[in-house]
Amino acid sequence: MDLTSLADFNAVALHGGFGPASRALDRPKATLSRRVAELEEDLGVRLIERGARRLRLTEEGLALHERTRGLMTEIQEAGEAVASRAPVPRGRLRISAPVVFAHVLLCQIAARFALAYPQVELEIIAEDRVADPVEDGYDLVIRINPPHDEQLVGRRILGDERLVVAAPTLSIPSMPAGEADELQVPAVVSIAAHADLLWNMRTEDGVRVIKPMPMLRMSSLLMVREAVLQGVGAALLPRLLVAQDVATGRLVCWGAEAGPPVEIWALYSSRRLLSAKVRAFMDMLKPDSVRF
């Protein structure tokens, strides 16, 4: 039995189809299909039912997957254990990171890493969805305020906070005496923001409650920032995204969001050994190396 074909079959079974497995492994669907067909011919049985909208394993395919997926994981871990002892990081390194962090900070870090480790093929995906390292084929994921997960290990690499910012042409309105506690201001917000959203803003005079009145809704915080720079309204944005704008006077900070700080973590699967390439990238993500 060809182990490469067996590994491809288990990947297709694990990810629920040729398409998802192709994206996770970054390999053509046609190659995976051919490998599975070769395995079926070698074994003389049908492993996957063709024609179904969703992947369906035959009884023989299910039995093969159940009995071999653990063995394939052990083989992969054995290879990673050997690779982790290699003096020079090498191979492919896939990383998922939030869009803002990727655009503002990770580009520079990735460039330094690529120059320092030319034998590593670095691939960074900027996305705001919560990617699964195993299911989506990532060696490392960057997450904002991640909940506890026993399947992931890593470390905090950066602290941040959210700031209420606006263009200098937009002044924070004063609170008239006798009015409601909520201060209504024109705002640019994320599409994901709730309609009844309130901003609890910490200032030198204490906490003020702002009721954002959406003028624009954007799907990306990068788009929100651009609209705020044009004077459309105020916004609640990460400091790492607007720090330079505030420092140069392009934006004015009204105050910081009250509440716990924002934490950014680098995480990898606890089921995998820490390879040399991941260790090298984690070293570049140390707090004293990540600044904005």
C-alpha atoms as a PDB file:
ATOM      1  CA  MET A   1       0.000   0.000   0.000  1.00  0.00           C
ATOM      2  CA  ASP A   2       1.413   3.372  -1.023  1.00  0.00           C
ATOM      3  CA  LEU A   3       1.723   5.607   2.064  1.00  0.00           C
ATOM      4  CA  THR A   4       1.402   8.822   0.062  1.00  0.00           C
ATOM      5  CA  SER A   5      -1.920   7.689  -1.384  1.00  0.00           C
ATOM      6  CA  LEU A   6      -3.037   6.555   2.061  1.00  0.00           C
ATOM      7  CA  ALA A   7      -2.117   9.946   3.540  1.00  0.00           C
ATOM      8  CA  ASP A   8      -4.060  11.730   0.795  1.00  0.00           C
ATOM      9  CA  PHE A   9      -7.091   9.497   1.374  1.00  0.00           C
ATOM     10  CA  ASN A  10      -7.033  10.232   5.114  1.00  0.00           C
ATOM     11  CA  ALA A  11      -6.701  13.954   4.420  1.00  0.00           C
ATOM     12  CA  VAL A  12      -9.758  13.873   2.150  1.00  0.00           C
ATOM     13  CA  ALA A  13     -11.698  11.906   4.783  1.00  0.00           C
ATOM     14  CA  LEU A  14     -10.557  14.200   7.598  1.00  0.00           C
ATOM     15  CA  HIS A  15     -11.383  17.472   5.803  1.00  0.00           C
ATOM     16  CA  GLY A  16     -14.675  16.202   4.391  1.00  0.00           C
ATOM     17  CA  GLY A  17     -13.969  16.355   0.679  1.00  0.00           C
ATOM     18  CA  PHE A  18     -11.437  16.831  -2.095  1.00  0.00           C
ATOM     19  CA  GLY A  19     -11.951  20.606  -2.182  1.00  0.00           C
ATOM     20  CA  PRO A  20     -11.341  21.283   1.536  1.00  0.00           C
ATOM     21  CA  ALA A  21      -8.389  18.866   1.558  1.00  0.00           C
ATOM     22  CA  SER A  22      -6.940  20.576  -1.518  1.00  0.00           C
ATOM     23  CA  ARG A  23      -7.121  23.980   0.187  1.00  0.00           C
ATOM     24  CA  ALA A  24      -5.688  22.690   3.466  1.00  0.00           C
ATOM     25  CA  LEU A  25      -2.791  20.865   1.810  1.00  0.00           C
ATOM     26  CA  ASP A  26      -2.358  23.385  -1.033  1.00  0.00           C
ATOM     27  CA  ARG A  27      -2.406  20.560  -3.538  1.00  0.00           C
ATOM     28  CA  PRO A  28      -4.511  20.185  -6.706  1.00  0.00           C
ATOM     29  CA  LYS A  29      -7.828  18.374  -6.359  1.00  0.00           C
ATOM     30  CA  ALA A  30      -6.969  16.315  -9.410  1.00  0.00           C
ATOM     31  CA  THR A  31      -3.845  14.984  -7.699  1.00  0.00           C
ATOM     32  CA  LEU A  32      -5.772  13.980  -4.576  1.00  0.00           C
ATOM     33  CA  SER A  33      -8.485  12.323  -6.667  1.00  0.00           C
ATOM     34  CA  ARG A  34      -5.897  10.395  -8.644  1.00  0.00           C
ATOM     35  CA  ARG A  35      -4.114   9.242  -5.494  1.00  0.00           C
ATOM     36  CA  VAL A  36      -7.349   7.994  -3.933  1.00  0.00           C
ATOM     37  CA  ALA A  37      -8.285   6.213  -7.176  1.00  0.00           C
ATOM     38  CA  GLU A  38      -4.871   4.534  -7.217  1.00  0.00           C
ATOM     39  CA  LEU A  39      -5.346   3.419  -3.609  1.00  0.00           C
ATOM     40  CA  GLU A  40      -8.790   2.003  -4.428  1.00  0.00           C
ATOM     41  CA  GLU A  41      -7.353   0.120  -7.389  1.00  0.00           C
ATOM     42  CA  ASP A  42      -4.486  -1.195  -5.268  1.00  0.00           C
ATOM     43  CA  LEU A  43      -6.867  -2.450  -2.567  1.00  0.00           C
ATOM     44  CA  GLY A  44      -9.558  -3.602  -4.959  1.00  0.00           C
ATOM     45  CA  VAL A  45     -12.373  -1.812  -3.083  1.00  0.00           C
ATOM     46  CA  ARG A  46     -14.287   1.455  -3.367  1.00  0.00           C
ATOM     47  CA  LEU A  47     -13.374   3.830  -0.519  1.00  0.00           C
ATOM     48  CA  ILE A  48     -15.430   6.920  -1.374  1.00  0.00           C
ATOM     49  CA  GLU A  49     -18.926   7.064  -2.853  1.00  0.00           C
ATOM     50  CA  ARG A  50     -18.779   9.235  -5.980  1.00  0.00           C
ATOM     51  CA  GLY A  51     -21.624  11.520  -6.955  1.00  0.00           C
ATOM     52  CA  ALA A  52     -22.824  12.459  -3.454  1.00  0.00           C
ATOM     53  CA  ARG A  53     -23.068  16.177  -2.662  1.00  0.00           C
ATOM     54  CA  ARG A  54     -21.146  15.630   0.560  1.00  0.00           C
ATOM     55  CA  LEU A  55     -18.267  13.232   1.036  1.00  0.00           C
ATOM     56  CA  ARG A  56     -19.443   9.757   2.015  1.00  0.00           C
ATOM     57  CA  LEU A  57     -17.063   6.964   2.829  1.00  0.00           C
ATOM     58  CA  THR A  58     -17.992   3.416   1.980  1.00  0.00           C
ATOM     59  CA  GLU A  59     -17.944   0.822   4.741  1.00  0.00           C
ATOM     60  CA  GLU A  60     -14.446  -0.189   3.615  1.00  0.00           C
ATOM     61  CA  GLY A  61     -13.333   3.445   3.434  1.00  0.00           C
ATOM     62  CA  LEU A  62     -14.599   4.174   6.932  1.00  0.00           C
ATOM     63  CA  ALA A  63     -12.815   1.110   8.312  1.00  0.00           C
ATOM     64  CA  LEU A  64      -9.548   2.056   6.601  1.00  0.00           C
ATOM     65  CA  HIS A  65      -9.752   5.655   7.848  1.00  0.00           C
ATOM     66  CA  GLU A  66     -10.469   4.614  11.435  1.00  0.00           C
ATOM     67  CA  ARG A  67      -7.598   2.114  11.524  1.00  0.00           C
ATOM     68  CA  THR A  68      -4.919   4.179   9.792  1.00  0.00           C
ATOM     69  CA  ARG A  69      -5.439   7.840  10.682  1.00  0.00           C
ATOM     70  CA  GLY A  70      -3.765   7.388  14.062  1.00  0.00           C
ATOM     71  CA  LEU A  71      -0.825   5.619  12.436  1.00  0.00           C
ATOM     72  CA  MET A  72      -0.428   8.403   9.865  1.00  0.00           C
ATOM     73  CA  THR A  73      -0.426  10.975  12.657  1.00  0.00           C
ATOM     74  CA  GLU A  74       2.322   9.061  14.445  1.00  0.00           C
ATOM     75  CA  ILE A  75       4.366   8.943  11.238  1.00  0.00           C
ATOM     76  CA  GLN A  76       3.915  12.688  10.750  1.00  0.00           C
ATOM     77  CA  GLU A  77       4.899  13.403  14.356  1.00  0.00           C
ATOM     78  CA  ALA A  78       7.977  11.199  13.988  1.00  0.00           C
ATOM     79  CA  GLY A  79       9.023  13.234  10.972  1.00  0.00           C
ATOM     80  CA  GLU A  80       8.394  16.488  12.814  1.00  0.00           C
ATOM     81  CA  ALA A  81      10.435  15.225  15.752  1.00  0.00           C
ATOM     82  CA  VAL A  82      13.387  14.635  13.446  1.00  0.00           C
ATOM     83  CA  ALA A  83      12.850  17.995  11.726  1.00  0.00           C
ATOM     84  CA  SER A  84      12.703  19.789  15.081  1.00  0.00           C
ATOM     85  CA  ARG A  85      16.308  18.735  15.711  1.00  0.00           C
ATOM     86  CA  ALA A  86      17.490  20.114  12.392  1.00  0.00           C
ATOM     87  CA  PRO A  87      19.961  22.973  12.899  1.00  0.00           C
ATOM     88  CA  VAL A  88      18.500  25.014  10.023  1.00  0.00           C
ATOM     89  CA  PRO A  89      14.723  25.619   9.737  1.00  0.00           C
ATOM     90  CA  ARG A  90      13.386  24.462   6.398  1.00  0.00           C
ATOM     91  CA  GLY A  91      10.160  23.465   4.676  1.00  0.00           C
ATOM     92  CA  ARG A  92       6.773  25.136   4.333  1.00  0.00           C
ATOM     93  CA  LEU A  93       5.386  27.334   7.116  1.00  0.00           C
ATOM     94  CA  ARG A  94       1.699  28.364   6.970  1.00  0.00           C
ATOM     95  CA  ILE A  95       0.385  31.066   9.312  1.00  0.00           C
ATOM     96  CA  SER A  96      -3.119  32.482   9.789  1.00  0.00           C
ATOM     97  CA  ALA A  97      -3.397  36.002  11.244  1.00  0.00           C
ATOM     98  CA  PRO A  98      -6.108  38.661  11.709  1.00  0.00           C
ATOM     99  CA  VAL A  99      -6.237  41.157   8.856  1.00  0.00           C
ATOM    100  CA  VAL A 100      -5.150  44.246  10.832  1.00  0.00           C
ATOM    101  CA  PHE A 101      -2.278  42.482  12.604  1.00  0.00           C
ATOM    102  CA  ALA A 102      -1.113  40.959   9.320  1.00  0.00           C
ATOM    103  CA  HIS A 103      -1.140  44.270   7.439  1.00  0.00           C
ATOM    104  CA  VAL A 104       0.302  46.489  10.176  1.00  0.00           C
ATOM    105  CA  LEU A 105       2.915  44.285  11.848  1.00  0.00           C
ATOM    106  CA  LEU A 106       3.247  40.842  10.353  1.00  0.00           C
ATOM    107  CA  CYS A 107       4.432  42.035   6.934  1.00  0.00           C
ATOM    108  CA  GLN A 108       7.650  43.454   8.424  1.00  0.00           C
ATOM    109  CA  ILE A 109       8.197  40.412  10.628  1.00  0.00           C
ATOM    110  CA  ALA A 110       7.619  38.077   7.678  1.00  0.00           C
ATOM    111  CA  ALA A 111      10.145  39.995   5.580  1.00  0.00           C
ATOM    112  CA  ARG A 112      12.786  39.707   8.314  1.00  0.00           C
ATOM    113  CA  PHE A 113      12.047  36.001   8.683  1.00  0.00           C
ATOM    114  CA  ALA A 114      12.268  35.353   4.938  1.00  0.00           C
ATOM    115  CA  LEU A 115      15.674  37.033   4.785  1.00  0.00           C
ATOM    116  CA  ALA A 116      16.930  35.160   7.842  1.00  0.00           C
ATOM    117  CA  TYR A 117      15.612  31.737   6.824  1.00  0.00           C
ATOM    118  CA  PRO A 118      15.632  31.435   3.014  1.00  0.00           C
ATOM    119  CA  GLN A 119      15.088  27.651   3.179  1.00  0.00           C
ATOM    120  CA  VAL A 120      11.617  28.147   4.674  1.00  0.00           C
ATOM    121  CA  GLU A 121       8.687  28.758   2.318  1.00  0.00           C
ATOM    122  CA  LEU A 122       6.594  31.181   4.393  1.00  0.00           C
ATOM    123  CA  GLU A 123       2.896  31.595   3.626  1.00  0.00           C
ATOM    124  CA  ILE A 124       0.734  34.059   5.588  1.00  0.00           C
ATOM    125  CA  ILE A 125      -3.052  34.162   5.220  1.00  0.00           C
ATOM    126  CA  ALA A 126      -4.729  37.372   6.450  1.00  0.00           C
ATOM    127  CA  GLU A 127      -8.235  36.473   7.641  1.00  0.00           C
ATOM    128  CA  ASP A 128     -10.524  37.340  10.523  1.00  0.00           C
ATOM    129  CA  ARG A 129     -12.173  33.938  10.826  1.00  0.00           C
ATOM    130  CA  VAL A 130     -11.031  31.577  13.586  1.00  0.00           C
ATOM    131  CA  ALA A 131      -8.863  29.087  11.714  1.00  0.00           C
ATOM    132  CA  ASP A 132      -8.170  25.621  13.096  1.00  0.00           C
ATOM    133  CA  PRO A 133      -4.460  24.703  12.868  1.00  0.00           C
ATOM    134  CA  VAL A 134      -5.129  21.011  12.227  1.00  0.00           C
ATOM    135  CA  GLU A 135      -8.282  21.143  10.108  1.00  0.00           C
ATOM    136  CA  ASP A 136      -7.050  24.089   8.003  1.00  0.00           C
ATOM    137  CA  GLY A 137      -3.442  22.973   7.744  1.00  0.00           C
ATOM    138  CA  TYR A 138      -1.757  25.849   9.612  1.00  0.00           C
ATOM    139  CA  ASP A 139       1.479  25.571  11.563  1.00  0.00           C
ATOM    140  CA  LEU A 140       0.700  28.707  13.575  1.00  0.00           C
ATOM    141  CA  VAL A 141      -2.357  30.893  14.164  1.00  0.00           C
ATOM    142  CA  ILE A 142      -2.479  34.437  15.562  1.00  0.00           C
ATOM    143  CA  ARG A 143      -5.583  35.155  17.644  1.00  0.00           C
ATOM    144  CA  ILE A 144      -7.038  38.114  19.510  1.00  0.00           C
ATOM    145  CA  ASN A 145      -8.182  37.388  23.090  1.00  0.00           C
ATOM    146  CA  PRO A 146      -8.404  33.626  22.459  1.00  0.00           C
ATOM    147  CA  PRO A 147     -10.492  31.526  24.865  1.00  0.00           C
ATOM    148  CA  HIS A 148      -8.787  28.677  26.670  1.00  0.00           C
ATOM    149  CA  ASP A 149      -8.354  25.681  24.388  1.00  0.00           C
ATOM    150  CA  GLU A 150      -6.566  22.526  25.504  1.00  0.00           C
ATOM    151  CA  GLN A 151      -5.812  21.699  21.861  1.00  0.00           C
ATOM    152  CA  LEU A 152      -3.683  24.845  21.451  1.00  0.00           C
ATOM    153  CA  VAL A 153      -0.498  26.044  23.138  1.00  0.00           C
ATOM    154  CA  GLY A 154       1.616  29.138  22.637  1.00  0.00           C
ATOM    155  CA  ARG A 155       2.256  32.490  24.210  1.00  0.00           C
ATOM    156  CA  ARG A 156       1.083  36.074  24.436  1.00  0.00           C
ATOM    157  CA  ILE A 157       3.065  38.210  22.020  1.00  0.00           C
ATOM    158  CA  LEU A 158       1.495  41.645  22.342  1.00  0.00           C
ATOM    159  CA  GLY A 159      -0.944  43.748  24.333  1.00  0.00           C
ATOM    160  CA  ASP A 160      -3.181  46.322  22.704  1.00  0.00           C
ATOM    161  CA  GLU A 161      -6.217  48.485  23.425  1.00  0.00           C
ATOM    162  CA  ARG A 162      -9.067  49.995  21.436  1.00  0.00           C
ATOM    163  CA  LEU A 163      -9.214  53.760  21.013  1.00  0.00           C
ATOM    164  CA  VAL A 164     -12.101  56.042  20.102  1.00  0.00           C
ATOM    165  CA  VAL A 165     -10.644  58.158  17.309  1.00  0.00           C
ATOM    166  CA  ALA A 166     -11.898  60.776  14.879  1.00  0.00           C
ATOM    167  CA  ALA A 167     -10.550  63.273  12.360  1.00  0.00           C
ATOM    168  CA  PRO A 168      -9.460  66.633  13.839  1.00  0.00           C
ATOM    169  CA  THR A 169     -12.420  68.266  12.083  1.00  0.00           C
ATOM    170  CA  LEU A 170     -14.838  66.249  14.222  1.00  0.00           C
ATOM    171  CA  SER A 171     -14.931  67.476  17.812  1.00  0.00           C
ATOM    172  CA  ILE A 172     -16.308  65.406  20.643  1.00  0.00           C
ATOM    173  CA  PRO A 173     -19.652  66.946  21.570  1.00  0.00           C
ATOM    174  CA  SER A 174     -20.187  68.238  25.074  1.00  0.00           C
ATOM    175  CA  MET A 175     -22.742  66.611  27.338  1.00  0.00           C
ATOM    176  CA  PRO A 176     -25.621  69.070  27.978  1.00  0.00           C
ATOM    177  CA  ALA A 177     -26.819  69.199  31.558  1.00  0.00           C
ATOM    178  CA  GLY A 178     -29.863  67.061  32.202  1.00  0.00           C
ATOM    179  CA  GLU A 179     -29.417  64.980  29.073  1.00  0.00           C
ATOM    180  CA  ALA A 180     -29.173  61.200  29.006  1.00  0.00           C
ATOM    181  CA  ASP A 181     -25.902  59.598  29.999  1.00  0.00           C
ATOM    182  CA  GLU A 182     -25.263  58.408  26.440  1.00  0.00           C
ATOM    183  CA  LEU A 183     -23.337  60.757  24.174  1.00  0.00           C
ATOM    184  CA  GLN A 184     -24.499  60.322  20.571  1.00  0.00           C
ATOM    185  CA  VAL A 185     -21.873  60.789  17.847  1.00  0.00           C
ATOM    186  CA  PRO A 186     -21.717  60.024  14.107  1.00  0.00           C
ATOM    187  CA  ALA A 187     -19.667  56.871  13.649  1.00  0.00           C
ATOM    188  CA  VAL A 188     -18.137  54.388  11.259  1.00  0.00           C
ATOM    189  CA  VAL A 189     -18.597  50.831  12.508  1.00  0.00           C
ATOM    190  CA  SER A 190     -17.898  47.264  11.508  1.00  0.00           C
ATOM    191  CA  ILE A 191     -20.654  45.330   9.794  1.00  0.00           C
ATOM    192  CA  ALA A 192     -20.374  42.799  12.623  1.00  0.00           C
ATOM    193  CA  ALA A 193     -21.173  45.454  15.260  1.00  0.00           C
ATOM    194  CA  HIS A 194     -24.485  45.090  17.112  1.00  0.00           C
ATOM    195  CA  ALA A 195     -27.184  47.673  16.467  1.00  0.00           C
ATOM    196  CA  ASP A 196     -27.400  48.552  20.186  1.00  0.00           C
ATOM    197  CA  LEU A 197     -23.630  48.932  20.529  1.00  0.00           C
ATOM    198  CA  LEU A 198     -22.311  51.314  23.190  1.00  0.00           C
ATOM    199  CA  TRP A 199     -18.716  52.497  23.652  1.00  0.00           C
ATOM    200  CA  ASN A 200     -17.544  52.831  27.243  1.00  0.00           C
ATOM    201  CA  MET A 201     -14.746  55.352  26.817  1.00  0.00           C
ATOM    202  CA  ARG A 202     -12.162  55.966  29.525  1.00  0.00           C
ATOM    203  CA  THR A 203     -10.977  59.583  29.758  1.00  0.00           C
ATOM    204  CA  GLU A 204      -9.167  61.717  32.318  1.00  0.00           C
ATOM    205  CA  ASP A 205     -12.577  62.715  33.701  1.00  0.00           C
ATOM    206  CA  GLY A 206     -13.764  59.120  34.094  1.00  0.00           C
ATOM    207  CA  VAL A 207     -15.805  56.789  31.900  1.00  0.00           C
ATOM    208  CA  ARG A 208     -18.162  58.287  29.337  1.00  0.00           C
ATOM    209  CA  VAL A 209     -20.759  56.264  27.439  1.00  0.00           C
ATOM    210  CA  ILE A 210     -20.942  56.907  23.691  1.00  0.00           C
ATOM    211  CA  LYS A 211     -23.836  55.832  21.515  1.00  0.00           C
ATOM    212  CA  PRO A 212     -22.411  55.511  17.987  1.00  0.00           C
ATOM    213  CA  MET A 213     -24.809  56.593  15.268  1.00  0.00           C
ATOM    214  CA  PRO A 214     -23.596  54.621  12.212  1.00  0.00           C
ATOM    215  CA  MET A 215     -23.006  56.710   9.103  1.00  0.00           C
ATOM    216  CA  LEU A 216     -21.129  53.866   7.396  1.00  0.00           C
ATOM    217  CA  ARG A 217     -20.776  50.138   8.005  1.00  0.00           C
ATOM    218  CA  MET A 218     -17.633  48.475   6.688  1.00  0.00           C
ATOM    219  CA  SER A 219     -16.541  44.831   6.503  1.00  0.00           C
ATOM    220  CA  SER A 220     -12.893  45.630   7.299  1.00  0.00           C
ATOM    221  CA  LEU A 221     -11.287  47.730  10.032  1.00  0.00           C
ATOM    222  CA  LEU A 222      -8.838  48.971   7.394  1.00  0.00           C
ATOM    223  CA  MET A 223     -11.823  50.419   5.516  1.00  0.00           C
ATOM    224  CA  VAL A 224     -13.227  51.876   8.739  1.00  0.00           C
ATOM    225  CA  ARG A 225      -9.938  53.707   9.358  1.00  0.00           C
ATOM    226  CA  GLU A 226      -9.956  55.215   5.867  1.00  0.00           C
ATOM    227  CA  ALA A 227     -13.506  56.519   6.329  1.00  0.00           C
ATOM    228  CA  VAL A 228     -12.596  58.033   9.703  1.00  0.00           C
ATOM    229  CA  LEU A 229      -9.603  59.795   8.121  1.00  0.00           C
ATOM    230  CA  GLN A 230     -12.050  61.370   5.659  1.00  0.00           C
ATOM    231  CA  GLY A 231     -14.053  62.818   8.565  1.00  0.00           C
ATOM    232  CA  VAL A 232     -17.176  60.652   8.217  1.00  0.00           C
ATOM    233  CA  GLY A 233     -17.378  59.907  11.939  1.00  0.00           C
ATOM    234  CA  ALA A 234     -15.658  58.479  14.977  1.00  0.00           C
ATOM    235  CA  ALA A 235     -14.665  54.830  15.341  1.00  0.00           C
ATOM    236  CA  LEU A 236     -13.415  52.344  17.902  1.00  0.00           C
ATOM    237  CA  LEU A 237     -10.177  50.950  16.460  1.00  0.00           C
ATOM    238  CA  PRO A 238      -7.115  49.008  17.669  1.00  0.00           C
ATOM    239  CA  ARG A 239      -4.229  51.192  18.793  1.00  0.00           C
ATOM    240  CA  LEU A 240      -1.835  49.224  16.577  1.00  0.00           C
ATOM    241  CA  LEU A 241      -3.876  50.377  13.554  1.00  0.00           C
ATOM    242  CA  VAL A 242      -4.130  54.096  14.402  1.00  0.00           C
ATOM    243  CA  ALA A 243      -1.094  54.797  16.602  1.00  0.00           C
ATOM    244  CA  GLN A 244       0.815  56.490  13.775  1.00  0.00           C
ATOM    245  CA  ASP A 245      -2.245  58.504  12.728  1.00  0.00           C
ATOM    246  CA  VAL A 246      -2.681  59.818  16.269  1.00  0.00           C
ATOM    247  CA  ALA A 247       1.039  60.550  16.623  1.00  0.00           C
ATOM    248  CA  THR A 248       1.083  62.609  13.409  1.00  0.00           C
ATOM    249  CA  GLY A 249      -2.194  64.415  14.137  1.00  0.00           C
ATOM    250  CA  ARG A 250      -4.168  62.839  11.309  1.00  0.00           C
ATOM    251  CA  LEU A 251      -6.550  61.462  13.937  1.00  0.00           C
ATOM    252  CA  VAL A 252      -7.445  62.592  17.428  1.00  0.00           C
ATOM    253  CA  CYS A 253      -7.891  60.120  20.270  1.00  0.00           C
ATOM    254  CA  TRP A 254     -10.936  60.895  22.412  1.00  0.00           C
ATOM    255  CA  GLY A 255     -10.214  58.114  24.893  1.00  0.00           C
ATOM    256  CA  ALA A 256      -9.567  54.404  25.315  1.00  0.00           C
ATOM    257  CA  GLU A 257     -12.141  51.659  25.678  1.00  0.00           C
ATOM    258  CA  ALA A 258     -12.778  50.851  29.324  1.00  0.00           C
ATOM    259  CA  GLY A 259     -12.333  47.229  30.289  1.00  0.00           C
ATOM    260  CA  PRO A 260      -9.685  44.515  30.139  1.00  0.00           C
ATOM    261  CA  PRO A 261      -6.756  44.929  27.725  1.00  0.00           C
ATOM    262  CA  VAL A 262      -6.618  43.255  24.337  1.00  0.00           C
ATOM    263  CA  GLU A 263      -4.169  40.345  24.135  1.00  0.00           C
ATOM    264  CA  ILE A 264      -2.660  38.905  20.966  1.00  0.00           C
ATOM    265  CA  TRP A 265      -1.452  35.288  21.081  1.00  0.00           C
ATOM    266  CA  ALA A 266       0.534  33.016  18.774  1.00  0.00           C
ATOM    267  CA  LEU A 267      -0.769  29.441  19.033  1.00  0.00           C
ATOM    268  CA  TYR A 268      -0.055  26.030  17.553  1.00  0.00           C
ATOM    269  CA  SER A 269      -1.565  22.581  17.953  1.00  0.00           C
ATOM    270  CA  SER A 270      -0.677  20.827  21.191  1.00  0.00           C
ATOM    271  CA  ARG A 271      -0.749  17.552  19.238  1.00  0.00           C
ATOM    272  CA  ARG A 272       2.291  18.563  17.225  1.00  0.00           C
ATOM    273  CA  LEU A 273       5.898  18.901  18.285  1.00  0.00           C
ATOM    274  CA  LEU A 274       7.359  22.388  18.019  1.00  0.00           C
ATOM    275  CA  SER A 275       9.341  22.256  14.760  1.00  0.00           C
ATOM    276  CA  ALA A 276      12.460  24.301  14.103  1.00  0.00           C
ATOM    277  CA  LYS A 277      10.656  26.554  11.620  1.00  0.00           C
ATOM    278  CA  VAL A 278       7.811  27.338  14.038  1.00  0.00           C
ATOM    279  CA  ARG A 279      10.263  27.886  16.892  1.00  0.00           C
ATOM    280  CA  ALA A 280      12.258  30.314  14.744  1.00  0.00           C
ATOM    281  CA  PHE A 281       9.147  32.308  13.837  1.00  0.00           C
ATOM    282  CA  MET A 282       7.955  32.325  17.448  1.00  0.00           C
ATOM    283  CA  ASP A 283      11.324  33.830  18.413  1.00  0.00           C
ATOM    284  CA  MET A 284      10.617  36.715  16.048  1.00  0.00           C
ATOM    285  CA  LEU A 285       7.268  37.241  17.778  1.00  0.00           C
ATOM    286  CA  LYS A 286       8.784  37.886  21.203  1.00  0.00           C
ATOM    287  CA  PRO A 287       7.255  40.967  22.888  1.00  0.00           C
ATOM    288  CA  ASP A 288      10.500  42.957  22.655  1.00  0.00           C
ATOM    289  CA  SER A 289      10.595  42.326  18.899  1.00  0.00           C
ATOM    290  CA  VAL A 290       6.974  43.238  18.100  1.00  0.00           C
ATOM    291  CA  ARG A 291       6.432  46.987  18.339  1.00  0.00           C
ATOM    292  CA  PHE A 292       4.095  49.531  16.792  1.00  0.00           C
END
